[in-house]
Amino acid sequence: LAPVTVEAMDGEGNDSLAGYRSLLHGRRPETVGCASQ
């Protein structure tokens, strides 16, 4: 969602994920491209 802005739920201004965080840590997500389905 980084390339876009998201309107706040009440329609007044934009909402933000600033300060949104997790205290848990683990492995990185994996992305996989394949030649066929």
PDB file of all heavy atoms in Angstrom:
ATOM      1  N   LEU A   1       0.810  -1.218   0.000  1.00  0.00           N
ATOM      2  CA  LEU A   1       0.000   0.000   0.000  1.00  0.00           C
ATOM      3  C   LEU A   1       0.844   1.268   0.000  1.00  0.00           C
ATOM      4  O   LEU A   1       0.286   2.364   0.015  1.00  0.00           O
ATOM      5  CB  LEU A   1      -0.922   0.004   1.221  1.00  0.00           C
ATOM      6  CG  LEU A   1      -1.935  -1.145   1.294  1.00  0.00           C
ATOM      7  CD1 LEU A   1      -2.749  -1.043   2.578  1.00  0.00           C
ATOM      8  CD2 LEU A   1      -2.858  -1.129   0.090  1.00  0.00           C
ATOM      9  N   ALA A   2       2.163   1.122   0.001  1.00  0.00           N
ATOM     10  CA  ALA A   2       3.035   2.295   0.077  1.00  0.00           C
ATOM     11  C   ALA A   2       2.827   3.290  -1.062  1.00  0.00           C
ATOM     12  O   ALA A   2       2.920   4.506  -0.844  1.00  0.00           O
ATOM     13  CB  ALA A   2       4.502   1.854   0.134  1.00  0.00           C
ATOM     14  N   PRO A   3       2.513   2.853  -2.303  1.00  0.00           N
ATOM     15  CA  PRO A   3       2.382   3.831  -3.399  1.00  0.00           C
ATOM     16  C   PRO A   3       1.092   4.645  -3.365  1.00  0.00           C
ATOM     17  O   PRO A   3       0.927   5.549  -4.190  1.00  0.00           O
ATOM     18  CB  PRO A   3       2.425   2.950  -4.662  1.00  0.00           C
ATOM     19  CG  PRO A   3       2.945   1.622  -4.219  1.00  0.00           C
ATOM     20  CD  PRO A   3       2.486   1.467  -2.803  1.00  0.00           C
ATOM     21  N   VAL A   4       0.163   4.347  -2.459  1.00  0.00           N
ATOM     22  CA  VAL A   4      -1.157   4.977  -2.523  1.00  0.00           C
ATOM     23  C   VAL A   4      -1.495   5.643  -1.191  1.00  0.00           C
ATOM     24  O   VAL A   4      -0.865   5.392  -0.170  1.00  0.00           O
ATOM     25  CB  VAL A   4      -2.249   3.937  -2.863  1.00  0.00           C
ATOM     26  CG1 VAL A   4      -2.016   3.348  -4.238  1.00  0.00           C
ATOM     27  CG2 VAL A   4      -2.297   2.834  -1.807  1.00  0.00           C
ATOM     28  N   THR A   5      -2.498   6.525  -1.238  1.00  0.00           N
ATOM     29  CA  THR A   5      -3.044   7.104  -0.011  1.00  0.00           C
ATOM     30  C   THR A   5      -4.411   6.478   0.250  1.00  0.00           C
ATOM     31  O   THR A   5      -5.132   6.121  -0.684  1.00  0.00           O
ATOM     32  CB  THR A   5      -3.198   8.635  -0.121  1.00  0.00           C
ATOM     33  OG1 THR A   5      -4.033   8.939  -1.249  1.00  0.00           O
ATOM     34  CG2 THR A   5      -1.839   9.296  -0.292  1.00  0.00           C
ATOM     35  N   VAL A   6      -4.747   6.357   1.510  1.00  0.00           N
ATOM     36  CA  VAL A   6      -5.986   5.704   1.921  1.00  0.00           C
ATOM     37  C   VAL A   6      -6.806   6.687   2.733  1.00  0.00           C
ATOM     38  O   VAL A   6      -6.334   7.224   3.737  1.00  0.00           O
ATOM     39  CB  VAL A   6      -5.689   4.438   2.751  1.00  0.00           C
ATOM     40  CG1 VAL A   6      -6.987   3.797   3.227  1.00  0.00           C
ATOM     41  CG2 VAL A   6      -4.879   3.443   1.926  1.00  0.00           C
ATOM     42  N   GLU A   7      -8.048   6.929   2.289  1.00  0.00           N
ATOM     43  CA  GLU A   7      -8.915   7.879   2.969  1.00  0.00           C
ATOM     44  C   GLU A   7      -9.359   7.331   4.317  1.00  0.00           C
ATOM     45  O   GLU A   7      -9.642   6.145   4.465  1.00  0.00           O
ATOM     46  CB  GLU A   7     -10.140   8.166   2.102  1.00  0.00           C
ATOM     47  CG  GLU A   7     -11.011   9.300   2.619  1.00  0.00           C
ATOM     48  CD  GLU A   7     -12.150   9.640   1.672  1.00  0.00           C
ATOM     49  OE1 GLU A   7     -12.800   8.705   1.169  1.00  0.00           O
ATOM     50  OE2 GLU A   7     -12.393  10.832   1.442  1.00  0.00           O
ATOM     51  N   ALA A   8      -9.418   8.202   5.314  1.00  0.00           N
ATOM     52  CA  ALA A   8      -9.827   7.803   6.658  1.00  0.00           C
ATOM     53  C   ALA A   8     -11.262   7.296   6.658  1.00  0.00           C
ATOM     54  O   ALA A   8     -12.057   7.616   5.772  1.00  0.00           O
ATOM     55  CB  ALA A   8      -9.683   8.974   7.631  1.00  0.00           C
ATOM     56  N   MET A   9     -11.598   6.525   7.680  1.00  0.00           N
ATOM     57  CA  MET A   9     -12.902   5.875   7.731  1.00  0.00           C
ATOM     58  C   MET A   9     -14.051   6.869   7.822  1.00  0.00           C
ATOM     59  O   MET A   9     -15.163   6.601   7.372  1.00  0.00           O
ATOM     60  CB  MET A   9     -12.948   4.910   8.913  1.00  0.00           C
ATOM     61  CG  MET A   9     -13.937   3.788   8.744  1.00  0.00           C
ATOM     62  SD  MET A   9     -13.549   2.362   9.767  1.00  0.00           S
ATOM     63  CE  MET A   9     -13.693   3.034  11.413  1.00  0.00           C
ATOM     64  N   ASP A  10     -13.786   8.017   8.433  1.00  0.00           N
ATOM     65  CA  ASP A  10     -14.857   9.016   8.551  1.00  0.00           C
ATOM     66  C   ASP A  10     -14.889   9.966   7.361  1.00  0.00           C
ATOM     67  O   ASP A  10     -15.674  10.913   7.334  1.00  0.00           O
ATOM     68  CB  ASP A  10     -14.705   9.800   9.854  1.00  0.00           C
ATOM     69  CG  ASP A  10     -13.354  10.499   9.955  1.00  0.00           C
ATOM     70  OD1 ASP A  10     -12.594  10.502   8.967  1.00  0.00           O
ATOM     71  OD2 ASP A  10     -13.060  11.036  11.038  1.00  0.00           O
ATOM     72  N   GLY A  11     -14.015   9.712   6.356  1.00  0.00           N
ATOM     73  CA  GLY A  11     -13.996  10.548   5.168  1.00  0.00           C
ATOM     74  C   GLY A  11     -13.282  11.865   5.347  1.00  0.00           C
ATOM     75  O   GLY A  11     -13.217  12.670   4.415  1.00  0.00           O
ATOM     76  N   GLU A  12     -12.716  12.081   6.536  1.00  0.00           N
ATOM     77  CA  GLU A  12     -12.018  13.336   6.825  1.00  0.00           C
ATOM     78  C   GLU A  12     -10.517  13.114   6.794  1.00  0.00           C
ATOM     79  O   GLU A  12      -9.915  12.629   7.752  1.00  0.00           O
ATOM     80  CB  GLU A  12     -12.447  13.869   8.200  1.00  0.00           C
ATOM     81  CG  GLU A  12     -13.952  14.069   8.363  1.00  0.00           C
ATOM     82  CD  GLU A  12     -14.501  15.138   7.429  1.00  0.00           C
ATOM     83  OE1 GLU A  12     -13.747  16.069   7.083  1.00  0.00           O
ATOM     84  OE2 GLU A  12     -15.680  15.042   7.051  1.00  0.00           O
ATOM     85  N   GLY A  13      -9.872  13.430   5.669  1.00  0.00           N
ATOM     86  CA  GLY A  13      -8.426  13.261   5.558  1.00  0.00           C
ATOM     87  C   GLY A  13      -8.039  11.824   5.249  1.00  0.00           C
ATOM     88  O   GLY A  13      -8.880  10.985   4.901  1.00  0.00           O
ATOM     89  N   ASN A  14      -6.738  11.529   5.372  1.00  0.00           N
ATOM     90  CA  ASN A  14      -6.218  10.211   5.045  1.00  0.00           C
ATOM     91  C   ASN A  14      -5.807   9.457   6.301  1.00  0.00           C
ATOM     92  O   ASN A  14      -5.452  10.051   7.316  1.00  0.00           O
ATOM     93  CB  ASN A  14      -5.005  10.337   4.111  1.00  0.00           C
ATOM     94  CG  ASN A  14      -5.387  10.903   2.758  1.00  0.00           C
ATOM     95  OD1 ASN A  14      -6.458  10.607   2.233  1.00  0.00           O
ATOM     96  ND2 ASN A  14      -4.528  11.726   2.191  1.00  0.00           N
ATOM     97  N   ASP A  15      -5.872   8.146   6.212  1.00  0.00           N
ATOM     98  CA  ASP A  15      -5.404   7.290   7.293  1.00  0.00           C
ATOM     99  C   ASP A  15      -3.962   6.894   6.990  1.00  0.00           C
ATOM    100  O   ASP A  15      -3.516   6.964   5.845  1.00  0.00           O
ATOM    101  CB  ASP A  15      -6.275   6.041   7.397  1.00  0.00           C
ATOM    102  CG  ASP A  15      -6.132   5.357   8.733  1.00  0.00           C
ATOM    103  OD1 ASP A  15      -5.226   4.525   8.881  1.00  0.00           O
ATOM    104  OD2 ASP A  15      -6.924   5.666   9.631  1.00  0.00           O
ATOM    105  N   SER A  16      -3.234   6.473   8.016  1.00  0.00           N
ATOM    106  CA  SER A  16      -1.813   6.167   7.836  1.00  0.00           C
ATOM    107  C   SER A  16      -1.435   4.954   8.668  1.00  0.00           C
ATOM    108  O   SER A  16      -2.000   4.699   9.734  1.00  0.00           O
ATOM    109  CB  SER A  16      -0.959   7.367   8.256  1.00  0.00           C
ATOM    110  OG  SER A  16       0.415   7.021   8.287  1.00  0.00           O
ATOM    111  N   LEU A  17      -0.442   4.208   8.167  1.00  0.00           N
ATOM    112  CA  LEU A  17       0.119   3.091   8.922  1.00  0.00           C
ATOM    113  C   LEU A  17       1.353   3.511   9.709  1.00  0.00           C
ATOM    114  O   LEU A  17       2.063   2.661  10.252  1.00  0.00           O
ATOM    115  CB  LEU A  17       0.479   1.944   7.966  1.00  0.00           C
ATOM    116  CG  LEU A  17      -0.704   1.213   7.305  1.00  0.00           C
ATOM    117  CD1 LEU A  17      -0.205   0.196   6.299  1.00  0.00           C
ATOM    118  CD2 LEU A  17      -1.579   0.552   8.340  1.00  0.00           C
ATOM    119  N   ALA A  18       1.615   4.814   9.798  1.00  0.00           N
ATOM    120  CA  ALA A  18       2.766   5.309  10.560  1.00  0.00           C
ATOM    121  C   ALA A  18       2.648   4.872  12.013  1.00  0.00           C
ATOM    122  O   ALA A  18       1.599   5.003  12.633  1.00  0.00           O
ATOM    123  CB  ALA A  18       2.842   6.833  10.486  1.00  0.00           C
ATOM    124  N   GLY A  19       3.725   4.335  12.538  1.00  0.00           N
ATOM    125  CA  GLY A  19       3.729   3.884  13.916  1.00  0.00           C
ATOM    126  C   GLY A  19       3.147   2.499  14.111  1.00  0.00           C
ATOM    127  O   GLY A  19       3.161   1.973  15.221  1.00  0.00           O
ATOM    128  N   TYR A  20       2.660   1.880  13.041  1.00  0.00           N
ATOM    129  CA  TYR A  20       2.074   0.546  13.106  1.00  0.00           C
ATOM    130  C   TYR A  20       3.208  -0.471  13.112  1.00  0.00           C
ATOM    131  O   TYR A  20       4.074  -0.455  12.241  1.00  0.00           O
ATOM    132  CB  TYR A  20       1.172   0.371  11.889  1.00  0.00           C
ATOM    133  CG  TYR A  20       0.518  -0.977  11.712  1.00  0.00           C
ATOM    134  CD1 TYR A  20      -0.102  -1.623  12.768  1.00  0.00           C
ATOM    135  CD2 TYR A  20       0.492  -1.577  10.467  1.00  0.00           C
ATOM    136  CE1 TYR A  20      -0.723  -2.841  12.586  1.00  0.00           C
ATOM    137  CE2 TYR A  20      -0.135  -2.792  10.267  1.00  0.00           C
ATOM    138  CZ  TYR A  20      -0.728  -3.420  11.340  1.00  0.00           C
ATOM    139  OH  TYR A  20      -1.344  -4.626  11.146  1.00  0.00           O
ATOM    140  N   ARG A  21       3.245  -1.361  14.097  1.00  0.00           N
ATOM    141  CA  ARG A  21       4.384  -2.256  14.242  1.00  0.00           C
ATOM    142  C   ARG A  21       3.983  -3.539  14.948  1.00  0.00           C
ATOM    143  O   ARG A  21       2.918  -3.622  15.557  1.00  0.00           O
ATOM    144  CB  ARG A  21       5.489  -1.577  15.042  1.00  0.00           C
ATOM    145  CG  ARG A  21       5.124  -1.330  16.491  1.00  0.00           C
ATOM    146  CD  ARG A  21       6.189  -0.538  17.208  1.00  0.00           C
ATOM    147  NE  ARG A  21       6.321   0.786  16.648  1.00  0.00           N
ATOM    148  CZ  ARG A  21       5.532   1.807  16.970  1.00  0.00           C
ATOM    149  NH1 ARG A  21       4.556   1.634  17.823  1.00  0.00           N
ATOM    150  NH2 ARG A  21       5.694   2.988  16.428  1.00  0.00           N
ATOM    151  N   SER A  22       4.857  -4.523  14.849  1.00  0.00           N
ATOM    152  CA  SER A  22       4.690  -5.769  15.586  1.00  0.00           C
ATOM    153  C   SER A  22       5.880  -5.952  16.511  1.00  0.00           C
ATOM    154  O   SER A  22       7.005  -5.536  16.187  1.00  0.00           O
ATOM    155  CB  SER A  22       4.602  -6.953  14.617  1.00  0.00           C
ATOM    156  OG  SER A  22       4.615  -8.176  15.336  1.00  0.00           O
ATOM    157  N   LEU A  23       5.648  -6.581  17.644  1.00  0.00           N
ATOM    158  CA  LEU A  23       6.725  -6.900  18.567  1.00  0.00           C
ATOM    159  C   LEU A  23       7.239  -8.319  18.345  1.00  0.00           C
ATOM    160  O   LEU A  23       8.160  -8.757  19.034  1.00  0.00           O
ATOM    161  CB  LEU A  23       6.238  -6.742  20.017  1.00  0.00           C
ATOM    162  CG  LEU A  23       5.716  -5.352  20.384  1.00  0.00           C
ATOM    163  CD1 LEU A  23       5.261  -5.327  21.835  1.00  0.00           C
ATOM    164  CD2 LEU A  23       6.768  -4.282  20.142  1.00  0.00           C
ATOM    165  N   LEU A  24       6.648  -9.032  17.377  1.00  0.00           N
ATOM    166  CA  LEU A  24       7.072 -10.394  17.054  1.00  0.00           C
ATOM    167  C   LEU A  24       8.014 -10.375  15.864  1.00  0.00           C
ATOM    168  O   LEU A  24       7.890  -9.532  14.971  1.00  0.00           O
ATOM    169  CB  LEU A  24       5.845 -11.258  16.721  1.00  0.00           C
ATOM    170  CG  LEU A  24       4.718 -11.275  17.757  1.00  0.00           C
ATOM    171  CD1 LEU A  24       3.532 -12.059  17.210  1.00  0.00           C
ATOM    172  CD2 LEU A  24       5.204 -11.859  19.067  1.00  0.00           C
ATOM    173  N   HIS A  25       8.934 -11.302  15.832  1.00  0.00           N
ATOM    174  CA  HIS A  25       9.873 -11.391  14.711  1.00  0.00           C
ATOM    175  C   HIS A  25       9.960 -12.831  14.218  1.00  0.00           C
ATOM    176  O   HIS A  25       9.736 -13.783  14.970  1.00  0.00           O
ATOM    177  CB  HIS A  25      11.250 -10.876  15.114  1.00  0.00           C
ATOM    178  CG  HIS A  25      11.325  -9.389  15.210  1.00  0.00           C
ATOM    179  ND1 HIS A  25      11.589  -8.585  14.125  1.00  0.00           N
ATOM    180  CD2 HIS A  25      11.121  -8.559  16.255  1.00  0.00           C
ATOM    181  CE1 HIS A  25      11.577  -7.313  14.512  1.00  0.00           C
ATOM    182  NE2 HIS A  25      11.292  -7.282  15.802  1.00  0.00           N
ATOM    183  N   GLY A  26      10.273 -12.972  12.939  1.00  0.00           N
ATOM    184  CA  GLY A  26      10.382 -14.298  12.346  1.00  0.00           C
ATOM    185  C   GLY A  26      11.020 -14.204  10.976  1.00  0.00           C
ATOM    186  O   GLY A  26      11.698 -13.228  10.645  1.00  0.00           O
ATOM    187  N   ARG A  27      10.752 -15.205  10.154  1.00  0.00           N
ATOM    188  CA  ARG A  27      11.374 -15.249   8.828  1.00  0.00           C
ATOM    189  C   ARG A  27      10.714 -14.247   7.877  1.00  0.00           C
ATOM    190  O   ARG A  27       9.558 -13.876   8.057  1.00  0.00           O
ATOM    191  CB  ARG A  27      11.270 -16.661   8.262  1.00  0.00           C
ATOM    192  CG  ARG A  27       9.862 -17.054   7.864  1.00  0.00           C
ATOM    193  CD  ARG A  27       9.742 -18.533   7.538  1.00  0.00           C
ATOM    194  NE  ARG A  27       9.503 -19.302   8.742  1.00  0.00           N
ATOM    195  CZ  ARG A  27       9.178 -20.594   8.729  1.00  0.00           C
ATOM    196  NH1 ARG A  27       9.085 -21.247   7.592  1.00  0.00           N
ATOM    197  NH2 ARG A  27       8.957 -21.235   9.850  1.00  0.00           N
ATOM    198  N   ARG A  28      11.464 -13.852   6.864  1.00  0.00           N
ATOM    199  CA  ARG A  28      10.920 -12.941   5.851  1.00  0.00           C
ATOM    200  C   ARG A  28       9.913 -13.667   4.957  1.00  0.00           C
ATOM    201  O   ARG A  28      10.051 -14.866   4.706  1.00  0.00           O
ATOM    202  CB  ARG A  28      12.042 -12.395   4.977  1.00  0.00           C
ATOM    203  CG  ARG A  28      12.975 -11.420   5.669  1.00  0.00           C
ATOM    204  CD  ARG A  28      13.996 -10.918   4.676  1.00  0.00           C
ATOM    205  NE  ARG A  28      14.898  -9.929   5.260  1.00  0.00           N
ATOM    206  CZ  ARG A  28      15.870  -9.317   4.583  1.00  0.00           C
ATOM    207  NH1 ARG A  28      16.066  -9.610   3.306  1.00  0.00           N
ATOM    208  NH2 ARG A  28      16.643  -8.435   5.188  1.00  0.00           N
ATOM    209  N   PRO A  29       8.913 -12.954   4.451  1.00  0.00           N
ATOM    210  CA  PRO A  29       8.015 -13.573   3.467  1.00  0.00           C
ATOM    211  C   PRO A  29       8.790 -14.019   2.240  1.00  0.00           C
ATOM    212  O   PRO A  29       9.810 -13.421   1.868  1.00  0.00           O
ATOM    213  CB  PRO A  29       7.046 -12.434   3.127  1.00  0.00           C
ATOM    214  CG  PRO A  29       7.064 -11.549   4.326  1.00  0.00           C
ATOM    215  CD  PRO A  29       8.480 -11.596   4.823  1.00  0.00           C
ATOM    216  N   GLU A  30       8.298 -15.059   1.603  1.00  0.00           N
ATOM    217  CA  GLU A  30       8.946 -15.608   0.413  1.00  0.00           C
ATOM    218  C   GLU A  30       8.097 -15.279  -0.804  1.00  0.00           C
ATOM    219  O   GLU A  30       6.874 -15.430  -0.780  1.00  0.00           O
ATOM    220  CB  GLU A  30       9.096 -17.123   0.554  1.00  0.00           C
ATOM    221  CG  GLU A  30       9.778 -17.774  -0.631  1.00  0.00           C
ATOM    222  CD  GLU A  30       9.831 -19.293  -0.501  1.00  0.00           C
ATOM    223  OE1 GLU A  30       9.183 -19.831   0.422  1.00  0.00           O
ATOM    224  OE2 GLU A  30      10.502 -19.931  -1.327  1.00  0.00           O
ATOM    225  N   THR A  31       8.722 -14.825  -1.864  1.00  0.00           N
ATOM    226  CA  THR A  31       8.017 -14.575  -3.121  1.00  0.00           C
ATOM    227  C   THR A  31       8.579 -15.510  -4.182  1.00  0.00           C
ATOM    228  O   THR A  31       9.796 -15.653  -4.321  1.00  0.00           O
ATOM    229  CB  THR A  31       8.170 -13.114  -3.572  1.00  0.00           C
ATOM    230  OG1 THR A  31       9.560 -12.777  -3.645  1.00  0.00           O
ATOM    231  CG2 THR A  31       7.493 -12.178  -2.585  1.00  0.00           C
ATOM    232  N   VAL A  32       7.673 -16.152  -4.941  1.00  0.00           N
ATOM    233  CA  VAL A  32       8.090 -17.189  -5.880  1.00  0.00           C
ATOM    234  C   VAL A  32       7.394 -16.981  -7.218  1.00  0.00           C
ATOM    235  O   VAL A  32       6.155 -16.973  -7.288  1.00  0.00           O
ATOM    236  CB  VAL A  32       7.755 -18.594  -5.336  1.00  0.00           C
ATOM    237  CG1 VAL A  32       8.210 -19.660  -6.324  1.00  0.00           C
ATOM    238  CG2 VAL A  32       8.391 -18.811  -3.972  1.00  0.00           C
ATOM    239  N   GLY A  33       8.165 -16.806  -8.270  1.00  0.00           N
ATOM    240  CA  GLY A  33       7.620 -16.733  -9.619  1.00  0.00           C
ATOM    241  C   GLY A  33       7.810 -18.058 -10.337  1.00  0.00           C
ATOM    242  O   GLY A  33       8.884 -18.662 -10.258  1.00  0.00           O
ATOM    243  N   CYS A  34       6.776 -18.537 -11.028  1.00  0.00           N
ATOM    244  CA  CYS A  34       6.827 -19.833 -11.709  1.00  0.00           C
ATOM    245  C   CYS A  34       6.512 -19.659 -13.192  1.00  0.00           C
ATOM    246  O   CYS A  34       5.850 -18.700 -13.596  1.00  0.00           O
ATOM    247  CB  CYS A  34       5.833 -20.801 -11.082  1.00  0.00           C
ATOM    248  SG  CYS A  34       6.130 -21.120  -9.319  1.00  0.00           S
ATOM    249  N   ALA A  35       6.977 -20.611 -13.973  1.00  0.00           N
ATOM    250  CA  ALA A  35       6.777 -20.519 -15.421  1.00  0.00           C
ATOM    251  C   ALA A  35       5.338 -20.822 -15.811  1.00  0.00           C
ATOM    252  O   ALA A  35       4.839 -20.311 -16.815  1.00  0.00           O
ATOM    253  CB  ALA A  35       7.731 -21.473 -16.134  1.00  0.00           C
ATOM    254  N   SER A  36       4.665 -21.665 -15.042  1.00  0.00           N
ATOM    255  CA  SER A  36       3.299 -22.059 -15.382  1.00  0.00           C
ATOM    256  C   SER A  36       2.494 -22.271 -14.105  1.00  0.00           C
ATOM    257  O   SER A  36       3.060 -22.424 -13.014  1.00  0.00           O
ATOM    258  CB  SER A  36       3.300 -23.351 -16.197  1.00  0.00           C
ATOM    259  OG  SER A  36       3.783 -24.428 -15.397  1.00  0.00           O
ATOM    260  N   GLN A  37       1.173 -22.307 -14.260  1.00  0.00           N
ATOM    261  CA  GLN A  37       0.323 -22.560 -13.096  1.00  0.00           C
ATOM    262  C   GLN A  37       0.545 -23.961 -12.562  1.00  0.00           C
ATOM    263  O   GLN A  37       0.492 -24.192 -11.343  1.00  0.00           O
ATOM    264  CB  GLN A  37      -1.142 -22.348 -13.475  1.00  0.00           C
ATOM    265  CG  GLN A  37      -2.075 -22.346 -12.273  1.00  0.00           C
ATOM    266  CD  GLN A  37      -3.512 -22.065 -12.649  1.00  0.00           C
ATOM    267  OE1 GLN A  37      -4.145 -22.843 -13.374  1.00  0.00           O
ATOM    268  NE2 GLN A  37      -4.040 -20.949 -12.167  1.00  0.00           N
TER     269      GLN A  37
END
